[in-house]
Amino acid sequence: MSPCGSGCMTCRRDTAPTGGNHDEVTKRYPEKGRWFRPVLVEAAILVRSFHRILCSGHRRLGHLFREAGQAGRQASQVAPCDPSWPELPAATSFSHPMELVRAAYAFAVRRPDVVQYLPCYCGCEKQGHRSLEFCFVKKRKASGIAEWDGMGFT
């Protein structure tokens, strides 16, 4: 047994200097493991908190993704042309099937809020087109469409 009676390494007869100042040594070097349990508890609390934050975020994001997916499916359905609209401009050749061309014109009419952000792809900005919307609709009036533009066929 060591001079202090606790069996610590610093006060053992074979390692300790004579006189064994156990109190001074234990103040400098606290027992191994005394700090381990509180740190482990704090780490567990921290990990659990992060886990709860991440899980709650996924639930909210999942809900938003479902809503966006439903809105996208509804918007991407082919919209029929309204019979009150004027006839589409005559074209000699079509780059796509006529049903798809009609659906593109119908989308451009019904969703100018989307089409206004799409850039013109056929070079008709030289004719004053500011977005893809003007490739489909030349003029609008309050009651509906006044005139189609044939650039939407290209």
N, C-alpha and C. Protein backbone atom coordinates (compact mmCIF):
# COMPACT_ATOMS: atom_id res chain seq x y z
N MET A 1 0.85 -1.18 0.00
CA MET A 1 0.00 0.00 0.00
C MET A 1 0.89 1.23 0.00
N SER A 2 0.39 2.32 -0.54
CA SER A 2 1.15 3.56 -0.62
C SER A 2 1.06 4.32 0.69
N PRO A 3 1.96 5.29 0.89
CA PRO A 3 1.96 6.05 2.14
C PRO A 3 0.64 6.78 2.38
N CYS A 4 -0.09 7.18 1.33
CA CYS A 4 -1.32 7.93 1.55
C CYS A 4 -2.48 7.00 1.86
N GLY A 5 -2.33 5.70 1.57
CA GLY A 5 -3.36 4.74 1.87
C GLY A 5 -4.35 4.51 0.75
N SER A 6 -4.24 5.26 -0.35
CA SER A 6 -5.20 5.10 -1.44
C SER A 6 -4.69 4.21 -2.56
N GLY A 7 -3.45 3.90 -2.58
CA GLY A 7 -2.89 3.04 -3.62
C GLY A 7 -2.59 3.75 -4.91
N CYS A 8 -2.51 5.09 -4.90
CA CYS A 8 -2.23 5.82 -6.14
C CYS A 8 -0.79 5.64 -6.55
N MET A 9 -0.54 5.81 -7.82
CA MET A 9 0.79 5.58 -8.38
C MET A 9 1.82 6.57 -7.86
N THR A 10 1.40 7.77 -7.55
CA THR A 10 2.38 8.78 -7.14
C THR A 10 2.90 8.54 -5.73
N CYS A 11 2.12 7.86 -4.94
CA CYS A 11 2.54 7.66 -3.55
C CYS A 11 3.01 6.24 -3.27
N ARG A 12 3.09 5.40 -4.27
CA ARG A 12 3.59 4.05 -4.02
C ARG A 12 5.04 4.12 -3.63
N ARG A 13 5.45 3.21 -2.78
CA ARG A 13 6.81 3.26 -2.24
C ARG A 13 7.86 3.11 -3.32
N ASP A 14 7.57 2.29 -4.31
CA ASP A 14 8.59 2.05 -5.33
C ASP A 14 8.69 3.19 -6.34
N THR A 15 7.68 4.07 -6.45
CA THR A 15 7.73 5.16 -7.43
C THR A 15 7.73 6.53 -6.79
N ALA A 16 7.22 6.66 -5.61
CA ALA A 16 7.08 7.99 -5.01
C ALA A 16 8.35 8.41 -4.30
N PRO A 17 8.62 9.71 -4.35
CA PRO A 17 9.73 10.20 -3.55
C PRO A 17 9.36 10.07 -2.08
N THR A 18 10.33 9.99 -1.28
CA THR A 18 10.06 9.82 0.16
C THR A 18 9.28 11.00 0.68
N GLY A 19 8.38 10.73 1.55
CA GLY A 19 7.57 11.79 2.13
C GLY A 19 6.21 11.88 1.46
N GLY A 20 6.03 11.42 0.25
CA GLY A 20 4.79 11.35 -0.51
C GLY A 20 3.82 12.50 -0.29
N ASN A 21 3.79 13.46 -1.17
CA ASN A 21 2.87 14.59 -1.09
C ASN A 21 1.68 14.30 -1.99
N HIS A 22 0.81 13.43 -1.54
CA HIS A 22 -0.35 12.96 -2.30
C HIS A 22 -1.34 14.07 -2.60
N ASP A 23 -1.62 14.94 -1.66
CA ASP A 23 -2.62 15.99 -1.87
C ASP A 23 -2.21 16.93 -2.99
N GLU A 24 -0.95 17.27 -3.02
CA GLU A 24 -0.46 18.17 -4.07
C GLU A 24 -0.55 17.50 -5.45
N VAL A 25 -0.22 16.24 -5.52
CA VAL A 25 -0.24 15.52 -6.79
C VAL A 25 -1.67 15.33 -7.30
N THR A 26 -2.61 14.97 -6.44
CA THR A 26 -3.98 14.75 -6.89
C THR A 26 -4.66 16.04 -7.31
N LYS A 27 -4.21 17.17 -6.82
CA LYS A 27 -4.78 18.44 -7.28
C LYS A 27 -4.35 18.71 -8.72
N ARG A 28 -3.09 18.36 -9.00
CA ARG A 28 -2.59 18.59 -10.35
C ARG A 28 -3.12 17.57 -11.35
N TYR A 29 -3.25 16.34 -10.94
CA TYR A 29 -3.68 15.25 -11.82
C TYR A 29 -4.89 14.56 -11.22
N PRO A 30 -6.11 15.02 -11.56
CA PRO A 30 -7.30 14.38 -11.00
C PRO A 30 -7.40 12.93 -11.46
N GLU A 31 -8.19 12.18 -10.75
CA GLU A 31 -8.32 10.76 -11.07
C GLU A 31 -8.76 10.58 -12.51
N LYS A 32 -8.21 9.57 -13.13
CA LYS A 32 -8.57 9.25 -14.49
C LYS A 32 -10.02 8.78 -14.50
N GLY A 33 -10.82 9.27 -15.42
CA GLY A 33 -12.21 8.87 -15.52
C GLY A 33 -13.18 9.78 -14.79
N ARG A 34 -12.70 10.65 -13.94
CA ARG A 34 -13.59 11.55 -13.21
C ARG A 34 -14.31 12.49 -14.18
N TRP A 35 -13.67 12.93 -15.22
CA TRP A 35 -14.24 13.85 -16.20
C TRP A 35 -14.95 13.10 -17.33
N PHE A 36 -14.68 11.82 -17.48
CA PHE A 36 -15.20 11.07 -18.62
C PHE A 36 -16.72 10.96 -18.61
N ARG A 37 -17.31 10.65 -17.49
CA ARG A 37 -18.76 10.44 -17.43
C ARG A 37 -19.53 11.72 -17.77
N PRO A 38 -19.22 12.89 -17.18
CA PRO A 38 -19.97 14.11 -17.56
C PRO A 38 -19.79 14.48 -19.04
N VAL A 39 -18.61 14.29 -19.57
CA VAL A 39 -18.37 14.61 -20.98
C VAL A 39 -19.17 13.65 -21.86
N LEU A 40 -19.24 12.40 -21.49
CA LEU A 40 -20.01 11.42 -22.24
C LEU A 40 -21.49 11.78 -22.24
N VAL A 41 -22.02 12.19 -21.11
CA VAL A 41 -23.43 12.59 -21.01
C VAL A 41 -23.69 13.82 -21.87
N GLU A 42 -22.81 14.81 -21.80
CA GLU A 42 -22.98 16.02 -22.61
C GLU A 42 -22.90 15.70 -24.10
N ALA A 43 -21.99 14.82 -24.48
CA ALA A 43 -21.88 14.44 -25.89
C ALA A 43 -23.14 13.72 -26.36
N ALA A 44 -23.70 12.86 -25.51
CA ALA A 44 -24.93 12.15 -25.87
C ALA A 44 -26.08 13.13 -26.05
N ILE A 45 -26.18 14.12 -25.18
CA ILE A 45 -27.23 15.13 -25.28
C ILE A 45 -27.06 15.93 -26.57
N LEU A 46 -25.84 16.28 -26.89
CA LEU A 46 -25.55 17.05 -28.10
C LEU A 46 -25.90 16.25 -29.36
N VAL A 47 -25.52 14.99 -29.39
CA VAL A 47 -25.82 14.13 -30.54
C VAL A 47 -27.33 13.98 -30.70
N ARG A 48 -28.03 13.76 -29.61
CA ARG A 48 -29.49 13.62 -29.66
C ARG A 48 -30.15 14.90 -30.17
N SER A 49 -29.65 16.04 -29.73
CA SER A 49 -30.21 17.32 -30.18
C SER A 49 -30.03 17.49 -31.68
N PHE A 50 -28.83 17.21 -32.18
CA PHE A 50 -28.60 17.31 -33.62
C PHE A 50 -29.49 16.34 -34.39
N HIS A 51 -29.66 15.15 -33.86
CA HIS A 51 -30.50 14.16 -34.51
C HIS A 51 -31.94 14.65 -34.61
N ARG A 52 -32.46 15.22 -33.54
CA ARG A 52 -33.83 15.73 -33.55
C ARG A 52 -33.98 16.87 -34.55
N ILE A 53 -32.99 17.75 -34.60
CA ILE A 53 -33.04 18.88 -35.54
C ILE A 53 -33.06 18.36 -36.98
N LEU A 54 -32.18 17.42 -37.28
CA LEU A 54 -32.10 16.89 -38.64
C LEU A 54 -33.37 16.14 -39.02
N CYS A 55 -33.92 15.36 -38.10
CA CYS A 55 -35.14 14.60 -38.41
C CYS A 55 -36.32 15.52 -38.63
N SER A 56 -36.45 16.55 -37.82
CA SER A 56 -37.58 17.46 -38.00
C SER A 56 -37.44 18.22 -39.31
N GLY A 57 -36.23 18.55 -39.71
CA GLY A 57 -36.01 19.23 -40.99
C GLY A 57 -36.39 18.35 -42.16
N HIS A 58 -36.08 17.05 -42.08
CA HIS A 58 -36.45 16.14 -43.17
C HIS A 58 -37.95 16.03 -43.31
N ARG A 59 -38.67 16.03 -42.21
CA ARG A 59 -40.12 15.94 -42.29
C ARG A 59 -40.68 17.16 -43.00
N ARG A 60 -40.18 18.33 -42.64
CA ARG A 60 -40.67 19.55 -43.28
C ARG A 60 -40.29 19.58 -44.76
N LEU A 61 -39.06 19.20 -45.07
CA LEU A 61 -38.62 19.20 -46.46
C LEU A 61 -39.40 18.18 -47.28
N GLY A 62 -39.68 17.03 -46.70
CA GLY A 62 -40.46 16.02 -47.40
C GLY A 62 -41.82 16.54 -47.80
N HIS A 63 -42.45 17.27 -46.91
CA HIS A 63 -43.76 17.86 -47.19
C HIS A 63 -43.66 18.87 -48.34
N LEU A 64 -42.62 19.69 -48.31
CA LEU A 64 -42.44 20.68 -49.38
C LEU A 64 -42.17 20.01 -50.73
N PHE A 65 -41.37 18.94 -50.72
CA PHE A 65 -41.08 18.24 -51.96
C PHE A 65 -42.34 17.57 -52.52
N ARG A 66 -43.19 17.02 -51.66
CA ARG A 66 -44.43 16.42 -52.14
C ARG A 66 -45.33 17.47 -52.79
N GLU A 67 -45.45 18.63 -52.15
CA GLU A 67 -46.28 19.70 -52.71
C GLU A 67 -45.73 20.17 -54.06
N ALA A 68 -44.41 20.35 -54.14
CA ALA A 68 -43.80 20.80 -55.39
C ALA A 68 -43.98 19.75 -56.48
N GLY A 69 -43.88 18.48 -56.13
CA GLY A 69 -44.07 17.41 -57.11
C GLY A 69 -45.49 17.39 -57.65
N GLN A 70 -46.47 17.58 -56.77
CA GLN A 70 -47.86 17.60 -57.22
C GLN A 70 -48.12 18.80 -58.13
N ALA A 71 -47.58 19.95 -57.76
CA ALA A 71 -47.76 21.14 -58.59
C ALA A 71 -47.09 20.95 -59.95
N GLY A 72 -45.92 20.32 -59.97
CA GLY A 72 -45.23 20.06 -61.23
C GLY A 72 -45.99 19.11 -62.13
N ARG A 73 -46.57 18.06 -61.52
CA ARG A 73 -47.36 17.11 -62.32
C ARG A 73 -48.58 17.80 -62.92
N GLN A 74 -49.23 18.64 -62.14
CA GLN A 74 -50.41 19.34 -62.65
C GLN A 74 -50.04 20.30 -63.78
N ALA A 75 -48.92 20.99 -63.62
CA ALA A 75 -48.51 21.97 -64.63
C ALA A 75 -48.01 21.31 -65.91
N SER A 76 -47.49 20.08 -65.79
CA SER A 76 -46.92 19.44 -66.97
C SER A 76 -47.94 18.66 -67.79
N GLN A 77 -49.16 18.57 -67.33
CA GLN A 77 -50.18 17.89 -68.12
C GLN A 77 -50.49 18.72 -69.37
N VAL A 78 -50.71 18.03 -70.46
CA VAL A 78 -50.97 18.71 -71.73
C VAL A 78 -52.30 19.45 -71.62
N ALA A 79 -52.25 20.74 -71.87
CA ALA A 79 -53.44 21.59 -71.78
C ALA A 79 -54.10 21.67 -73.15
N PRO A 80 -55.39 21.44 -73.21
CA PRO A 80 -56.06 21.54 -74.51
C PRO A 80 -56.22 23.00 -74.93
N CYS A 81 -56.30 23.19 -76.21
CA CYS A 81 -56.54 24.55 -76.73
C CYS A 81 -57.99 24.93 -76.49
N ASP A 82 -58.19 26.18 -76.21
CA ASP A 82 -59.53 26.71 -75.99
C ASP A 82 -60.16 27.00 -77.36
N PRO A 83 -61.39 26.57 -77.60
CA PRO A 83 -62.02 26.82 -78.91
C PRO A 83 -62.23 28.30 -79.21
N SER A 84 -62.23 29.14 -78.18
CA SER A 84 -62.42 30.58 -78.42
C SER A 84 -61.15 31.25 -78.94
N TRP A 85 -60.03 30.56 -78.87
CA TRP A 85 -58.78 31.13 -79.37
C TRP A 85 -58.77 31.12 -80.89
N PRO A 86 -58.04 32.05 -81.50
CA PRO A 86 -57.95 32.04 -82.97
C PRO A 86 -57.17 30.81 -83.45
N GLU A 87 -57.32 30.51 -84.73
CA GLU A 87 -56.60 29.38 -85.32
C GLU A 87 -55.10 29.64 -85.25
N LEU A 88 -54.34 28.57 -85.09
CA LEU A 88 -52.88 28.71 -85.09
C LEU A 88 -52.41 29.14 -86.47
N PRO A 89 -51.29 29.83 -86.54
CA PRO A 89 -50.79 30.26 -87.85
C PRO A 89 -50.46 29.05 -88.72
N ALA A 90 -50.61 29.23 -89.99
CA ALA A 90 -50.30 28.15 -90.94
C ALA A 90 -48.80 27.97 -91.04
N ALA A 91 -48.38 26.73 -91.09
CA ALA A 91 -46.96 26.43 -91.23
C ALA A 91 -46.80 25.35 -92.29
N THR A 92 -45.71 25.44 -93.05
CA THR A 92 -45.48 24.46 -94.11
C THR A 92 -44.91 23.17 -93.54
N SER A 93 -44.10 23.26 -92.52
CA SER A 93 -43.53 22.06 -91.92
C SER A 93 -43.50 22.22 -90.39
N PHE A 94 -43.65 21.12 -89.72
CA PHE A 94 -43.64 21.13 -88.26
C PHE A 94 -42.41 20.38 -87.76
N SER A 95 -41.78 20.93 -86.76
CA SER A 95 -40.64 20.24 -86.18
C SER A 95 -41.08 19.23 -85.12
N HIS A 96 -42.34 19.32 -84.69
CA HIS A 96 -42.90 18.41 -83.69
C HIS A 96 -44.33 18.06 -84.09
N PRO A 97 -44.90 17.01 -83.50
CA PRO A 97 -46.30 16.68 -83.80
C PRO A 97 -47.23 17.84 -83.46
N MET A 98 -48.30 17.97 -84.21
CA MET A 98 -49.21 19.10 -84.05
C MET A 98 -49.82 19.16 -82.65
N GLU A 99 -50.08 18.01 -82.02
CA GLU A 99 -50.64 18.02 -80.66
C GLU A 99 -49.68 18.70 -79.68
N LEU A 100 -48.39 18.42 -79.86
CA LEU A 100 -47.39 19.03 -79.00
C LEU A 100 -47.27 20.53 -79.26
N VAL A 101 -47.37 20.92 -80.51
CA VAL A 101 -47.31 22.35 -80.86
C VAL A 101 -48.50 23.08 -80.24
N ARG A 102 -49.69 22.49 -80.36
CA ARG A 102 -50.87 23.11 -79.74
C ARG A 102 -50.71 23.22 -78.23
N ALA A 103 -50.17 22.17 -77.62
CA ALA A 103 -49.97 22.19 -76.16
C ALA A 103 -48.97 23.28 -75.77
N ALA A 104 -47.93 23.48 -76.58
CA ALA A 104 -46.94 24.53 -76.28
C ALA A 104 -47.58 25.91 -76.37
N TYR A 105 -48.40 26.13 -77.39
CA TYR A 105 -49.10 27.41 -77.52
C TYR A 105 -50.07 27.62 -76.35
N ALA A 106 -50.78 26.55 -75.97
CA ALA A 106 -51.73 26.66 -74.86
C ALA A 106 -50.99 26.97 -73.55
N PHE A 107 -49.84 26.34 -73.35
CA PHE A 107 -49.06 26.61 -72.14
C PHE A 107 -48.57 28.05 -72.13
N ALA A 108 -48.10 28.53 -73.28
CA ALA A 108 -47.62 29.91 -73.37
C ALA A 108 -48.72 30.91 -73.07
N VAL A 109 -49.95 30.59 -73.46
CA VAL A 109 -51.08 31.49 -73.21
C VAL A 109 -51.48 31.44 -71.74
N ARG A 110 -51.56 30.24 -71.20
CA ARG A 110 -52.05 30.08 -69.83
C ARG A 110 -51.01 30.43 -68.77
N ARG A 111 -49.74 30.30 -69.07
CA ARG A 111 -48.69 30.54 -68.07
C ARG A 111 -47.66 31.57 -68.51
N PRO A 112 -48.08 32.80 -68.81
CA PRO A 112 -47.10 33.82 -69.18
C PRO A 112 -46.14 34.13 -68.03
N ASP A 113 -46.57 33.86 -66.79
CA ASP A 113 -45.70 34.09 -65.64
C ASP A 113 -44.48 33.17 -65.66
N VAL A 114 -44.57 32.03 -66.32
CA VAL A 114 -43.44 31.11 -66.44
C VAL A 114 -42.66 31.39 -67.72
N VAL A 115 -43.38 31.51 -68.83
CA VAL A 115 -42.74 31.63 -70.14
C VAL A 115 -41.97 32.94 -70.28
N GLN A 116 -42.36 33.96 -69.53
CA GLN A 116 -41.66 35.25 -69.64
C GLN A 116 -40.19 35.16 -69.21
N TYR A 117 -39.83 34.14 -68.43
CA TYR A 117 -38.45 33.99 -67.97
C TYR A 117 -37.61 33.11 -68.88
N LEU A 118 -38.22 32.51 -69.88
CA LEU A 118 -37.48 31.65 -70.80
C LEU A 118 -36.95 32.48 -71.96
N PRO A 119 -35.67 32.39 -72.24
CA PRO A 119 -35.12 33.20 -73.34
C PRO A 119 -35.57 32.67 -74.70
N CYS A 120 -35.61 33.56 -75.64
CA CYS A 120 -35.95 33.19 -77.01
C CYS A 120 -34.82 32.31 -77.56
N TYR A 121 -35.18 31.26 -78.26
CA TYR A 121 -34.18 30.31 -78.75
C TYR A 121 -33.99 30.35 -80.27
N CYS A 122 -34.77 31.13 -80.97
CA CYS A 122 -34.69 31.08 -82.44
C CYS A 122 -34.06 32.34 -83.04
N GLY A 123 -33.60 33.25 -82.23
CA GLY A 123 -32.96 34.45 -82.76
C GLY A 123 -33.92 35.58 -83.06
N CYS A 124 -35.16 35.46 -82.66
CA CYS A 124 -36.14 36.49 -82.99
C CYS A 124 -36.08 37.67 -82.02
N GLU A 125 -35.12 37.70 -81.13
CA GLU A 125 -34.97 38.89 -80.27
C GLU A 125 -34.63 40.12 -81.10
N LYS A 126 -34.14 39.89 -82.32
CA LYS A 126 -33.87 41.00 -83.24
C LYS A 126 -35.17 41.66 -83.69
N GLN A 127 -36.27 40.93 -83.59
CA GLN A 127 -37.59 41.46 -83.96
C GLN A 127 -38.31 42.07 -82.76
N GLY A 128 -37.62 42.17 -81.65
CA GLY A 128 -38.22 42.80 -80.47
C GLY A 128 -38.75 41.83 -79.44
N HIS A 129 -38.54 40.54 -79.62
CA HIS A 129 -39.01 39.58 -78.63
C HIS A 129 -38.12 39.64 -77.38
N ARG A 130 -38.74 39.79 -76.24
CA ARG A 130 -37.99 39.87 -74.98
C ARG A 130 -37.90 38.51 -74.28
N SER A 131 -38.77 37.59 -74.62
CA SER A 131 -38.75 36.25 -74.02
C SER A 131 -39.47 35.29 -74.95
N LEU A 132 -39.52 34.04 -74.54
CA LEU A 132 -40.18 33.02 -75.34
C LEU A 132 -41.68 33.26 -75.46
N GLU A 133 -42.24 34.01 -74.54
CA GLU A 133 -43.67 34.33 -74.60
C GLU A 133 -44.02 35.00 -75.93
N PHE A 134 -43.15 35.87 -76.41
CA PHE A 134 -43.44 36.61 -77.64
C PHE A 134 -43.26 35.76 -78.89
N CYS A 135 -42.65 34.59 -78.77
CA CYS A 135 -42.55 33.68 -79.91
C CYS A 135 -43.88 33.00 -80.17
N PHE A 136 -44.76 32.98 -79.18
CA PHE A 136 -46.06 32.32 -79.31
C PHE A 136 -47.20 33.32 -79.48
N VAL A 137 -47.19 34.37 -78.68
CA VAL A 137 -48.30 35.33 -78.68
C VAL A 137 -47.77 36.68 -79.14
N LYS A 138 -48.28 37.14 -80.29
CA LYS A 138 -47.83 38.43 -80.83
C LYS A 138 -48.52 39.58 -80.10
N LYS A 139 -49.83 39.47 -79.91
CA LYS A 139 -50.60 40.52 -79.23
C LYS A 139 -51.61 39.88 -78.30
N ARG A 140 -51.85 40.53 -77.18
CA ARG A 140 -52.89 40.10 -76.23
C ARG A 140 -53.88 41.24 -76.05
N LYS A 141 -55.09 40.87 -75.77
CA LYS A 141 -56.08 41.87 -75.36
C LYS A 141 -56.72 41.36 -74.07
N ALA A 142 -57.45 42.20 -73.40
CA ALA A 142 -58.01 41.85 -72.09
C ALA A 142 -58.91 40.62 -72.16
N SER A 143 -59.63 40.46 -73.23
CA SER A 143 -60.56 39.33 -73.34
C SER A 143 -59.88 38.04 -73.78
N GLY A 144 -58.65 38.11 -74.24
CA GLY A 144 -57.96 36.90 -74.69
C GLY A 144 -56.83 37.22 -75.63
N ILE A 145 -56.61 36.34 -76.60
CA ILE A 145 -55.51 36.49 -77.54
C ILE A 145 -55.99 37.23 -78.78
N ALA A 146 -55.23 38.21 -79.18
CA ALA A 146 -55.57 38.95 -80.40
C ALA A 146 -54.91 38.30 -81.61
N GLU A 147 -53.63 37.88 -81.42
CA GLU A 147 -52.91 37.35 -82.58
C GLU A 147 -51.78 36.43 -82.12
N TRP A 148 -51.65 35.28 -82.78
CA TRP A 148 -50.56 34.35 -82.52
C TRP A 148 -49.31 34.80 -83.27
N ASP A 149 -48.17 34.31 -82.84
CA ASP A 149 -46.92 34.51 -83.58
C ASP A 149 -46.46 33.14 -84.05
N GLY A 150 -46.02 33.06 -85.28
CA GLY A 150 -45.63 31.78 -85.86
C GLY A 150 -44.26 31.29 -85.44
N MET A 151 -43.50 32.07 -84.69
CA MET A 151 -42.16 31.66 -84.28
C MET A 151 -42.19 30.45 -83.34
N GLY A 152 -43.30 30.20 -82.70
CA GLY A 152 -43.40 29.07 -81.78
C GLY A 152 -43.27 27.72 -82.47
N PHE A 153 -43.44 27.69 -83.79
CA PHE A 153 -43.32 26.45 -84.54
C PHE A 153 -41.86 26.02 -84.69
N THR A 154 -40.96 26.95 -84.61
CA THR A 154 -39.55 26.63 -84.88
C THR A 154 -38.87 25.97 -83.73
